[in-house]
Amino acid sequence: MDIPLPGLDLIPAPAPSAAARRSRPYSSTLPPTQAAIDAFWSRVVKAPGDGCWFLISAISGVDGYTRLTWRSGGISRTESGHRFALLLAGQLDDGVVAEHRCNEPLCVRVDPGHVVASTQSANLRYAVACGRTGAIRNPDQHTNRHARSLAVRDALAGGWDARAYARACGNAAPLDTPSLF
């Protein structure tokens, strides 16, 4: 004898849309609040001289880049750290991507040798030229960008330390040599 289970006759509700899943209204044009700007700068560790400026904050498990979220008037916005830096510099327009000329995912220094406003195609060409695209990368010589970013963030959490940085990024080259991830 079959005994019906309670609830089997219920029709499942349709999956909520992306907008309905958000807990707060979101705007990609929300300007940064002063609190977000202050929090950003309080988490930047600067290497000496012309070195990178590392954002020591939350790191996305998807791509290994830092993330910042801020809210104002019940609306929120999230940006990667390097895009936030371009936003503060007034260089984040529609279609702009942040290109890391220094090849350091945690760098937020807006400077021709570090983070520059670019296009998607120019950024991809630069990545290919540097050998940091998946198709030509040697997996034995490179670490996962997320794991590497976590190691670098943790190594620099107490401030700039050249040896800790070199160990964290797996760089056996001289300390003044730019790293590739």
N, C-alpha and C. Protein backbone atom coordinates (compact mmCIF):
# COMPACT_ATOMS: atom_id res chain seq x y z
N MET A 1 0.84 -1.17 0.00
CA MET A 1 0.00 0.00 0.00
C MET A 1 0.90 1.24 0.00
N ASP A 2 0.68 2.15 -0.96
CA ASP A 2 1.42 3.41 -1.03
C ASP A 2 0.79 4.44 -0.11
N ILE A 3 1.64 5.08 0.66
CA ILE A 3 1.17 6.14 1.55
C ILE A 3 1.73 7.45 1.00
N PRO A 4 0.85 8.38 0.63
CA PRO A 4 1.34 9.65 0.09
C PRO A 4 2.07 10.45 1.16
N LEU A 5 3.17 11.09 0.74
CA LEU A 5 3.92 11.94 1.66
C LEU A 5 3.36 13.35 1.62
N PRO A 6 3.31 14.00 2.76
CA PRO A 6 2.77 15.36 2.79
C PRO A 6 3.62 16.30 1.93
N GLY A 7 2.96 17.17 1.20
CA GLY A 7 3.65 18.19 0.42
C GLY A 7 3.97 17.80 -1.00
N LEU A 8 3.81 16.52 -1.38
CA LEU A 8 4.14 16.11 -2.74
C LEU A 8 3.17 16.68 -3.76
N ASP A 9 2.00 17.08 -3.31
CA ASP A 9 1.03 17.63 -4.24
C ASP A 9 1.22 19.14 -4.45
N LEU A 10 2.18 19.73 -3.77
CA LEU A 10 2.42 21.17 -3.91
C LEU A 10 3.20 21.45 -5.18
N ILE A 11 2.88 22.55 -5.80
CA ILE A 11 3.60 22.97 -7.01
C ILE A 11 4.77 23.83 -6.55
N PRO A 12 6.00 23.52 -7.03
CA PRO A 12 7.14 24.33 -6.59
C PRO A 12 7.04 25.76 -7.10
N ALA A 13 7.49 26.66 -6.27
CA ALA A 13 7.49 28.08 -6.65
C ALA A 13 8.58 28.31 -7.69
N PRO A 14 8.35 29.23 -8.62
CA PRO A 14 9.40 29.53 -9.60
C PRO A 14 10.64 30.10 -8.91
N ALA A 15 11.80 29.86 -9.50
CA ALA A 15 13.05 30.37 -8.94
C ALA A 15 13.02 31.90 -8.96
N PRO A 16 13.50 32.53 -7.89
CA PRO A 16 13.49 33.99 -7.88
C PRO A 16 14.51 34.54 -8.87
N SER A 17 14.21 35.71 -9.40
CA SER A 17 15.14 36.36 -10.33
C SER A 17 16.35 36.86 -9.55
N ALA A 18 17.40 37.23 -10.28
CA ALA A 18 18.61 37.74 -9.63
C ALA A 18 18.29 38.97 -8.78
N ALA A 19 17.44 39.84 -9.30
CA ALA A 19 17.08 41.05 -8.55
C ALA A 19 16.32 40.69 -7.28
N ALA A 20 15.46 39.68 -7.34
CA ALA A 20 14.69 39.30 -6.16
C ALA A 20 15.57 38.62 -5.11
N ARG A 21 16.68 37.98 -5.54
CA ARG A 21 17.58 37.31 -4.59
C ARG A 21 18.42 38.31 -3.81
N ARG A 22 18.62 39.49 -4.32
CA ARG A 22 19.41 40.48 -3.60
C ARG A 22 18.66 40.93 -2.37
N SER A 23 19.40 41.05 -1.28
CA SER A 23 18.75 41.47 -0.05
C SER A 23 18.58 42.99 0.01
N ARG A 24 19.37 43.70 -0.78
CA ARG A 24 19.28 45.17 -0.80
C ARG A 24 19.24 45.63 -2.25
N PRO A 25 18.62 46.77 -2.50
CA PRO A 25 18.70 47.32 -3.85
C PRO A 25 20.17 47.61 -4.20
N TYR A 26 20.52 47.41 -5.47
CA TYR A 26 21.90 47.55 -5.94
C TYR A 26 21.95 48.59 -7.05
N SER A 27 23.03 49.36 -7.08
CA SER A 27 23.23 50.33 -8.15
C SER A 27 24.70 50.33 -8.57
N SER A 28 24.94 50.15 -9.85
CA SER A 28 26.32 50.17 -10.36
C SER A 28 26.84 51.60 -10.52
N THR A 29 26.01 52.58 -10.21
CA THR A 29 26.44 53.98 -10.32
C THR A 29 26.53 54.68 -8.97
N LEU A 30 26.30 53.94 -7.89
CA LEU A 30 26.37 54.54 -6.55
C LEU A 30 27.79 55.04 -6.29
N PRO A 31 27.96 56.34 -6.03
CA PRO A 31 29.31 56.84 -5.74
C PRO A 31 29.80 56.32 -4.40
N PRO A 32 31.12 56.20 -4.24
CA PRO A 32 31.64 55.72 -2.96
C PRO A 32 31.35 56.70 -1.83
N THR A 33 31.05 56.16 -0.68
CA THR A 33 30.85 57.00 0.50
C THR A 33 32.22 57.34 1.08
N GLN A 34 32.26 58.36 1.91
CA GLN A 34 33.51 58.71 2.57
C GLN A 34 33.98 57.57 3.45
N ALA A 35 33.05 56.86 4.08
CA ALA A 35 33.42 55.71 4.92
C ALA A 35 34.08 54.62 4.08
N ALA A 36 33.57 54.39 2.87
CA ALA A 36 34.17 53.38 1.98
C ALA A 36 35.57 53.81 1.54
N ILE A 37 35.72 55.08 1.24
CA ILE A 37 37.03 55.60 0.83
C ILE A 37 38.03 55.48 1.98
N ASP A 38 37.60 55.86 3.18
CA ASP A 38 38.47 55.75 4.36
C ASP A 38 38.84 54.30 4.64
N ALA A 39 37.87 53.38 4.53
CA ALA A 39 38.13 51.97 4.76
C ALA A 39 39.12 51.44 3.72
N PHE A 40 38.96 51.84 2.47
CA PHE A 40 39.87 51.44 1.40
C PHE A 40 41.31 51.84 1.74
N TRP A 41 41.52 53.12 2.02
CA TRP A 41 42.88 53.60 2.28
C TRP A 41 43.47 53.01 3.55
N SER A 42 42.62 52.68 4.54
CA SER A 42 43.13 52.10 5.78
C SER A 42 43.64 50.67 5.56
N ARG A 43 43.26 50.06 4.45
CA ARG A 43 43.67 48.68 4.16
C ARG A 43 44.73 48.59 3.06
N VAL A 44 45.29 49.71 2.65
CA VAL A 44 46.32 49.70 1.60
C VAL A 44 47.70 49.64 2.25
N VAL A 45 48.49 48.66 1.82
CA VAL A 45 49.89 48.51 2.25
C VAL A 45 50.75 48.89 1.06
N LYS A 46 51.61 49.89 1.25
CA LYS A 46 52.43 50.39 0.15
C LYS A 46 53.85 49.83 0.21
N ALA A 47 54.26 49.21 -0.89
CA ALA A 47 55.65 48.80 -1.02
C ALA A 47 56.48 50.07 -1.24
N PRO A 48 57.74 50.06 -0.87
CA PRO A 48 58.55 51.28 -1.01
C PRO A 48 58.79 51.65 -2.47
N GLY A 49 59.16 52.92 -2.65
CA GLY A 49 59.52 53.41 -3.99
C GLY A 49 58.36 53.32 -4.96
N ASP A 50 58.64 52.76 -6.13
CA ASP A 50 57.64 52.64 -7.18
C ASP A 50 56.89 51.32 -7.09
N GLY A 51 56.88 50.69 -5.91
CA GLY A 51 56.24 49.38 -5.75
C GLY A 51 54.73 49.43 -5.75
N CYS A 52 54.15 48.26 -5.68
CA CYS A 52 52.69 48.11 -5.67
C CYS A 52 52.10 48.65 -4.37
N TRP A 53 50.82 48.99 -4.46
CA TRP A 53 50.01 49.30 -3.29
C TRP A 53 49.01 48.17 -3.17
N PHE A 54 49.10 47.37 -2.12
CA PHE A 54 48.31 46.17 -1.95
C PHE A 54 47.07 46.46 -1.10
N LEU A 55 45.91 46.06 -1.61
CA LEU A 55 44.69 46.17 -0.82
C LEU A 55 44.53 44.89 -0.03
N ILE A 56 44.58 45.02 1.29
CA ILE A 56 44.49 43.88 2.20
C ILE A 56 43.04 43.82 2.69
N SER A 57 42.20 43.10 1.94
CA SER A 57 40.78 43.01 2.30
C SER A 57 40.20 41.70 1.80
N ALA A 58 38.89 41.63 1.75
CA ALA A 58 38.21 40.41 1.30
C ALA A 58 38.63 40.07 -0.12
N ILE A 59 38.83 38.76 -0.37
CA ILE A 59 39.25 38.29 -1.69
C ILE A 59 38.21 37.33 -2.22
N SER A 60 37.81 37.56 -3.45
CA SER A 60 36.81 36.71 -4.09
C SER A 60 37.38 35.33 -4.37
N GLY A 61 36.62 34.30 -4.04
CA GLY A 61 37.01 32.93 -4.34
C GLY A 61 36.89 32.61 -5.82
N VAL A 62 36.21 33.47 -6.56
CA VAL A 62 36.00 33.25 -7.98
C VAL A 62 37.23 33.65 -8.79
N ASP A 63 37.78 34.83 -8.51
CA ASP A 63 38.86 35.32 -9.37
C ASP A 63 40.12 35.77 -8.64
N GLY A 64 40.14 35.75 -7.32
CA GLY A 64 41.34 36.11 -6.58
C GLY A 64 41.59 37.59 -6.45
N TYR A 65 40.62 38.42 -6.79
CA TYR A 65 40.75 39.87 -6.64
C TYR A 65 40.03 40.32 -5.37
N THR A 66 40.46 41.45 -4.82
CA THR A 66 39.81 42.00 -3.63
C THR A 66 38.44 42.57 -4.00
N ARG A 67 37.58 42.69 -3.02
CA ARG A 67 36.24 43.23 -3.21
C ARG A 67 35.93 44.23 -2.10
N LEU A 68 35.21 45.28 -2.46
CA LEU A 68 34.70 46.25 -1.49
C LEU A 68 33.22 46.46 -1.76
N THR A 69 32.46 46.54 -0.70
CA THR A 69 31.03 46.84 -0.81
C THR A 69 30.73 48.02 0.08
N TRP A 70 29.92 48.93 -0.43
CA TRP A 70 29.49 50.07 0.38
C TRP A 70 28.00 50.28 0.14
N ARG A 71 27.39 50.99 1.09
CA ARG A 71 25.96 51.24 1.05
C ARG A 71 25.67 52.71 1.35
N SER A 72 24.60 53.17 0.74
CA SER A 72 24.13 54.52 1.02
C SER A 72 22.64 54.58 0.71
N GLY A 73 21.86 55.09 1.63
CA GLY A 73 20.42 55.22 1.41
C GLY A 73 19.73 53.91 1.09
N GLY A 74 20.19 52.82 1.68
CA GLY A 74 19.58 51.52 1.45
C GLY A 74 19.99 50.85 0.14
N ILE A 75 20.91 51.46 -0.59
CA ILE A 75 21.39 50.91 -1.87
C ILE A 75 22.84 50.50 -1.68
N SER A 76 23.25 49.40 -2.31
CA SER A 76 24.63 48.94 -2.18
C SER A 76 25.31 48.82 -3.54
N ARG A 77 26.63 48.75 -3.48
CA ARG A 77 27.46 48.56 -4.67
C ARG A 77 28.71 47.80 -4.26
N THR A 78 29.18 46.90 -5.12
CA THR A 78 30.40 46.15 -4.90
C THR A 78 31.31 46.35 -6.09
N GLU A 79 32.59 46.58 -5.84
CA GLU A 79 33.60 46.69 -6.89
C GLU A 79 34.85 45.95 -6.45
N SER A 80 35.61 45.50 -7.40
CA SER A 80 36.93 44.95 -7.09
C SER A 80 37.82 46.11 -6.67
N GLY A 81 38.85 45.80 -5.91
CA GLY A 81 39.71 46.85 -5.37
C GLY A 81 40.37 47.70 -6.45
N HIS A 82 40.85 47.06 -7.51
CA HIS A 82 41.53 47.82 -8.56
C HIS A 82 40.55 48.71 -9.34
N ARG A 83 39.31 48.26 -9.50
CA ARG A 83 38.30 49.10 -10.14
C ARG A 83 37.89 50.25 -9.21
N PHE A 84 37.84 49.99 -7.90
CA PHE A 84 37.54 51.04 -6.93
C PHE A 84 38.61 52.13 -7.01
N ALA A 85 39.87 51.72 -7.14
CA ALA A 85 40.96 52.69 -7.26
C ALA A 85 40.79 53.56 -8.50
N LEU A 86 40.40 52.94 -9.62
CA LEU A 86 40.14 53.73 -10.84
C LEU A 86 38.94 54.65 -10.64
N LEU A 87 37.93 54.19 -9.91
CA LEU A 87 36.77 55.02 -9.61
C LEU A 87 37.19 56.26 -8.82
N LEU A 88 38.04 56.06 -7.81
CA LEU A 88 38.53 57.21 -7.02
C LEU A 88 39.36 58.17 -7.86
N ALA A 89 40.06 57.63 -8.85
CA ALA A 89 40.89 58.47 -9.72
C ALA A 89 40.09 59.12 -10.85
N GLY A 90 38.77 58.85 -10.88
CA GLY A 90 37.92 59.43 -11.92
C GLY A 90 38.11 58.80 -13.29
N GLN A 91 38.60 57.56 -13.32
CA GLN A 91 38.90 56.91 -14.60
C GLN A 91 38.03 55.69 -14.89
N LEU A 92 37.00 55.43 -14.09
CA LEU A 92 36.17 54.25 -14.30
C LEU A 92 34.90 54.65 -15.05
N ASP A 93 34.97 54.65 -16.37
CA ASP A 93 33.81 54.95 -17.21
C ASP A 93 33.20 53.64 -17.71
N ASP A 94 32.08 53.72 -18.38
CA ASP A 94 31.45 52.53 -18.97
C ASP A 94 32.42 51.85 -19.92
N GLY A 95 32.51 50.54 -19.83
CA GLY A 95 33.37 49.78 -20.73
C GLY A 95 34.83 49.73 -20.33
N VAL A 96 35.21 50.43 -19.27
CA VAL A 96 36.60 50.45 -18.83
C VAL A 96 36.88 49.23 -17.97
N VAL A 97 38.01 48.58 -18.22
CA VAL A 97 38.50 47.53 -17.33
C VAL A 97 39.80 48.03 -16.72
N ALA A 98 40.12 47.49 -15.57
CA ALA A 98 41.37 47.85 -14.89
C ALA A 98 42.43 46.84 -15.30
N GLU A 99 43.48 47.32 -15.92
CA GLU A 99 44.57 46.45 -16.37
C GLU A 99 45.73 46.56 -15.40
N HIS A 100 46.20 45.41 -14.94
CA HIS A 100 47.33 45.36 -14.01
C HIS A 100 48.63 45.28 -14.80
N ARG A 101 49.29 46.40 -15.00
CA ARG A 101 50.58 46.41 -15.69
C ARG A 101 51.67 45.78 -14.83
N CYS A 102 51.47 45.77 -13.53
CA CYS A 102 52.44 45.20 -12.60
C CYS A 102 52.23 43.70 -12.39
N ASN A 103 51.17 43.16 -12.97
CA ASN A 103 50.85 41.73 -12.84
C ASN A 103 50.62 41.29 -11.40
N GLU A 104 50.16 42.19 -10.56
CA GLU A 104 49.88 41.87 -9.16
C GLU A 104 48.38 42.07 -8.90
N PRO A 105 47.61 40.98 -8.71
CA PRO A 105 46.16 41.10 -8.56
C PRO A 105 45.70 41.98 -7.40
N LEU A 106 46.48 42.11 -6.35
CA LEU A 106 46.06 42.91 -5.19
C LEU A 106 46.47 44.38 -5.30
N CYS A 107 47.16 44.75 -6.38
CA CYS A 107 47.63 46.13 -6.52
C CYS A 107 46.48 47.07 -6.86
N VAL A 108 46.46 48.23 -6.19
CA VAL A 108 45.46 49.26 -6.43
C VAL A 108 46.10 50.62 -6.74
N ARG A 109 47.37 50.61 -7.11
CA ARG A 109 48.07 51.86 -7.41
C ARG A 109 47.76 52.29 -8.84
N VAL A 110 47.00 53.38 -8.98
CA VAL A 110 46.67 53.91 -10.31
C VAL A 110 47.88 54.70 -10.78
N ASP A 111 48.59 54.09 -11.74
CA ASP A 111 49.87 54.60 -12.20
C ASP A 111 50.20 53.83 -13.48
N PRO A 112 50.89 54.45 -14.45
CA PRO A 112 51.18 53.74 -15.70
C PRO A 112 51.92 52.41 -15.53
N GLY A 113 52.63 52.22 -14.44
CA GLY A 113 53.33 50.97 -14.22
C GLY A 113 52.56 49.97 -13.38
N HIS A 114 51.33 50.32 -12.99
CA HIS A 114 50.57 49.46 -12.09
C HIS A 114 49.16 49.20 -12.61
N VAL A 115 48.19 50.00 -12.23
CA VAL A 115 46.81 49.82 -12.67
C VAL A 115 46.45 50.97 -13.59
N VAL A 116 45.97 50.61 -14.79
CA VAL A 116 45.58 51.61 -15.78
C VAL A 116 44.19 51.31 -16.30
N ALA A 117 43.48 52.35 -16.72
CA ALA A 117 42.19 52.18 -17.39
C ALA A 117 42.47 51.64 -18.78
N SER A 118 41.74 50.60 -19.17
CA SER A 118 42.00 49.92 -20.43
C SER A 118 40.70 49.39 -21.02
N THR A 119 40.84 48.68 -22.12
CA THR A 119 39.70 47.98 -22.73
C THR A 119 39.89 46.49 -22.50
N GLN A 120 38.83 45.73 -22.65
CA GLN A 120 38.91 44.29 -22.47
C GLN A 120 39.90 43.67 -23.45
N SER A 121 39.86 44.09 -24.72
CA SER A 121 40.76 43.50 -25.72
C SER A 121 42.22 43.86 -25.44
N ALA A 122 42.49 45.09 -25.05
CA ALA A 122 43.87 45.48 -24.73
C ALA A 122 44.37 44.73 -23.50
N ASN A 123 43.51 44.54 -22.52
CA ASN A 123 43.88 43.81 -21.32
C ASN A 123 44.22 42.36 -21.65
N LEU A 124 43.42 41.74 -22.51
CA LEU A 124 43.70 40.36 -22.91
C LEU A 124 45.00 40.25 -23.71
N ARG A 125 45.24 41.21 -24.59
CA ARG A 125 46.51 41.20 -25.35
C ARG A 125 47.70 41.31 -24.40
N TYR A 126 47.58 42.16 -23.39
CA TYR A 126 48.67 42.32 -22.42
C TYR A 126 48.87 41.03 -21.62
N ALA A 127 47.78 40.39 -21.23
CA ALA A 127 47.88 39.14 -20.48
C ALA A 127 48.57 38.07 -21.30
N VAL A 128 48.25 37.99 -22.58
CA VAL A 128 48.90 37.02 -23.47
C VAL A 128 50.39 37.34 -23.59
N ALA A 129 50.71 38.61 -23.78
CA ALA A 129 52.11 39.02 -23.92
C ALA A 129 52.92 38.70 -22.67
N CYS A 130 52.28 38.75 -21.51
CA CYS A 130 52.96 38.47 -20.23
C CYS A 130 52.98 36.99 -19.89
N GLY A 131 52.25 36.18 -20.64
CA GLY A 131 52.20 34.75 -20.36
C GLY A 131 51.31 34.38 -19.20
N ARG A 132 50.29 35.19 -18.91
CA ARG A 132 49.42 34.85 -17.79
C ARG A 132 48.01 34.49 -18.22
N THR A 133 47.88 33.96 -19.42
CA THR A 133 46.58 33.42 -19.84
C THR A 133 46.60 31.92 -19.61
N GLY A 134 45.44 31.35 -19.36
CA GLY A 134 45.33 29.94 -19.02
C GLY A 134 45.91 29.00 -20.06
N ALA A 135 45.77 29.33 -21.34
CA ALA A 135 46.19 28.41 -22.39
C ALA A 135 47.70 28.21 -22.45
N ILE A 136 48.47 29.22 -22.05
CA ILE A 136 49.92 29.10 -22.17
C ILE A 136 50.63 29.02 -20.83
N ARG A 137 49.87 29.03 -19.76
CA ARG A 137 50.44 28.95 -18.42
C ARG A 137 50.91 27.54 -18.12
N ASN A 138 52.04 27.41 -17.48
CA ASN A 138 52.54 26.10 -17.05
C ASN A 138 52.03 25.88 -15.63
N PRO A 139 51.12 24.91 -15.43
CA PRO A 139 50.54 24.73 -14.10
C PRO A 139 51.56 24.36 -13.02
N ASP A 140 52.68 23.80 -13.39
CA ASP A 140 53.69 23.44 -12.40
C ASP A 140 54.43 24.67 -11.86
N GLN A 141 54.39 25.77 -12.59
CA GLN A 141 55.14 26.96 -12.19
C GLN A 141 54.27 28.07 -11.62
N HIS A 142 52.97 27.88 -11.63
CA HIS A 142 52.08 28.93 -11.16
C HIS A 142 51.10 28.37 -10.14
N THR A 143 50.71 29.21 -9.22
CA THR A 143 49.71 28.80 -8.23
C THR A 143 48.36 29.37 -8.64
N ASN A 144 47.34 28.82 -8.10
CA ASN A 144 46.00 29.33 -8.28
C ASN A 144 45.97 30.78 -7.80
N ARG A 145 45.38 31.69 -8.61
CA ARG A 145 45.39 33.11 -8.26
C ARG A 145 44.71 33.37 -6.92
N HIS A 146 43.63 32.67 -6.63
CA HIS A 146 42.94 32.87 -5.36
C HIS A 146 43.85 32.51 -4.20
N ALA A 147 44.48 31.33 -4.26
CA ALA A 147 45.37 30.89 -3.18
C ALA A 147 46.56 31.85 -3.05
N ARG A 148 47.10 32.29 -4.18
CA ARG A 148 48.22 33.22 -4.15
C ARG A 148 47.81 34.54 -3.52
N SER A 149 46.65 35.06 -3.91
CA SER A 149 46.17 36.33 -3.35
C SER A 149 45.96 36.23 -1.85
N LEU A 150 45.40 35.11 -1.38
CA LEU A 150 45.23 34.91 0.06
C LEU A 150 46.58 34.91 0.77
N ALA A 151 47.57 34.22 0.18
CA ALA A 151 48.90 34.14 0.79
C ALA A 151 49.55 35.52 0.85
N VAL A 152 49.44 36.29 -0.23
CA VAL A 152 50.02 37.64 -0.25
C VAL A 152 49.31 38.54 0.76
N ARG A 153 47.99 38.49 0.77
CA ARG A 153 47.24 39.31 1.73
C ARG A 153 47.65 38.99 3.16
N ASP A 154 47.74 37.71 3.49
CA ASP A 154 48.10 37.31 4.85
C ASP A 154 49.54 37.70 5.19
N ALA A 155 50.44 37.61 4.20
CA ALA A 155 51.84 37.96 4.43
C ALA A 155 52.03 39.44 4.69
N LEU A 156 51.16 40.27 4.12
CA LEU A 156 51.31 41.72 4.25
C LEU A 156 50.32 42.34 5.24
N ALA A 157 49.56 41.51 5.94
CA ALA A 157 48.54 42.03 6.86
C ALA A 157 49.14 42.95 7.93
N GLY A 158 50.38 42.73 8.30
CA GLY A 158 51.02 43.57 9.31
C GLY A 158 51.83 44.71 8.73
N GLY A 159 51.80 44.90 7.41
CA GLY A 159 52.56 45.95 6.76
C GLY A 159 53.53 45.36 5.74
N TRP A 160 54.25 46.23 5.06
CA TRP A 160 55.15 45.79 4.00
C TRP A 160 56.30 44.95 4.56
N ASP A 161 56.54 43.80 3.95
CA ASP A 161 57.63 42.90 4.31
C ASP A 161 58.06 42.22 3.02
N ALA A 162 59.19 42.66 2.46
CA ALA A 162 59.64 42.16 1.16
C ALA A 162 59.86 40.66 1.15
N ARG A 163 60.43 40.12 2.21
CA ARG A 163 60.68 38.66 2.26
C ARG A 163 59.37 37.88 2.35
N ALA A 164 58.46 38.34 3.18
CA ALA A 164 57.17 37.66 3.32
C ALA A 164 56.41 37.71 1.99
N TYR A 165 56.49 38.85 1.31
CA TYR A 165 55.83 38.97 0.00
C TYR A 165 56.43 37.99 -1.00
N ALA A 166 57.75 37.93 -1.06
CA ALA A 166 58.41 37.02 -2.01
C ALA A 166 58.04 35.57 -1.72
N ARG A 167 57.98 35.20 -0.46
CA ARG A 167 57.58 33.82 -0.11
C ARG A 167 56.12 33.57 -0.48
N ALA A 168 55.26 34.52 -0.20
CA ALA A 168 53.82 34.34 -0.44
C ALA A 168 53.48 34.22 -1.92
N CYS A 169 54.18 34.97 -2.74
CA CYS A 169 53.84 34.91 -4.17
C CYS A 169 54.66 33.85 -4.89
N GLY A 170 55.52 33.14 -4.18
CA GLY A 170 56.28 32.06 -4.80
C GLY A 170 57.34 32.56 -5.76
N ASN A 171 57.81 33.77 -5.55
CA ASN A 171 58.76 34.39 -6.46
C ASN A 171 60.18 34.14 -5.97
N ALA A 172 60.96 33.44 -6.79
CA ALA A 172 62.35 33.19 -6.45
C ALA A 172 63.26 34.21 -7.13
N ALA A 173 62.69 35.10 -7.93
CA ALA A 173 63.46 36.12 -8.64
C ALA A 173 63.88 37.22 -7.65
N PRO A 174 64.81 38.07 -8.06
CA PRO A 174 65.17 39.20 -7.19
C PRO A 174 63.94 40.01 -6.82
N LEU A 175 63.97 40.62 -5.65
CA LEU A 175 62.78 41.30 -5.12
C LEU A 175 62.30 42.45 -5.98
N ASP A 176 63.16 43.03 -6.83
CA ASP A 176 62.71 44.14 -7.67
C ASP A 176 62.16 43.67 -9.02
N THR A 177 62.06 42.37 -9.23
CA THR A 177 61.52 41.83 -10.48
C THR A 177 60.00 41.71 -10.36
N PRO A 178 59.24 42.25 -11.33
CA PRO A 178 57.77 42.12 -11.26
C PRO A 178 57.36 40.65 -11.29
N SER A 179 56.30 40.34 -10.56
CA SER A 179 55.84 38.95 -10.49
C SER A 179 54.79 38.68 -11.55
N LEU A 180 54.67 37.45 -11.91
CA LEU A 180 53.57 36.97 -12.75
C LEU A 180 52.78 35.99 -11.93
N PHE A 181 51.44 36.01 -12.03
CA PHE A 181 50.67 35.05 -11.25
C PHE A 181 50.33 33.85 -12.05
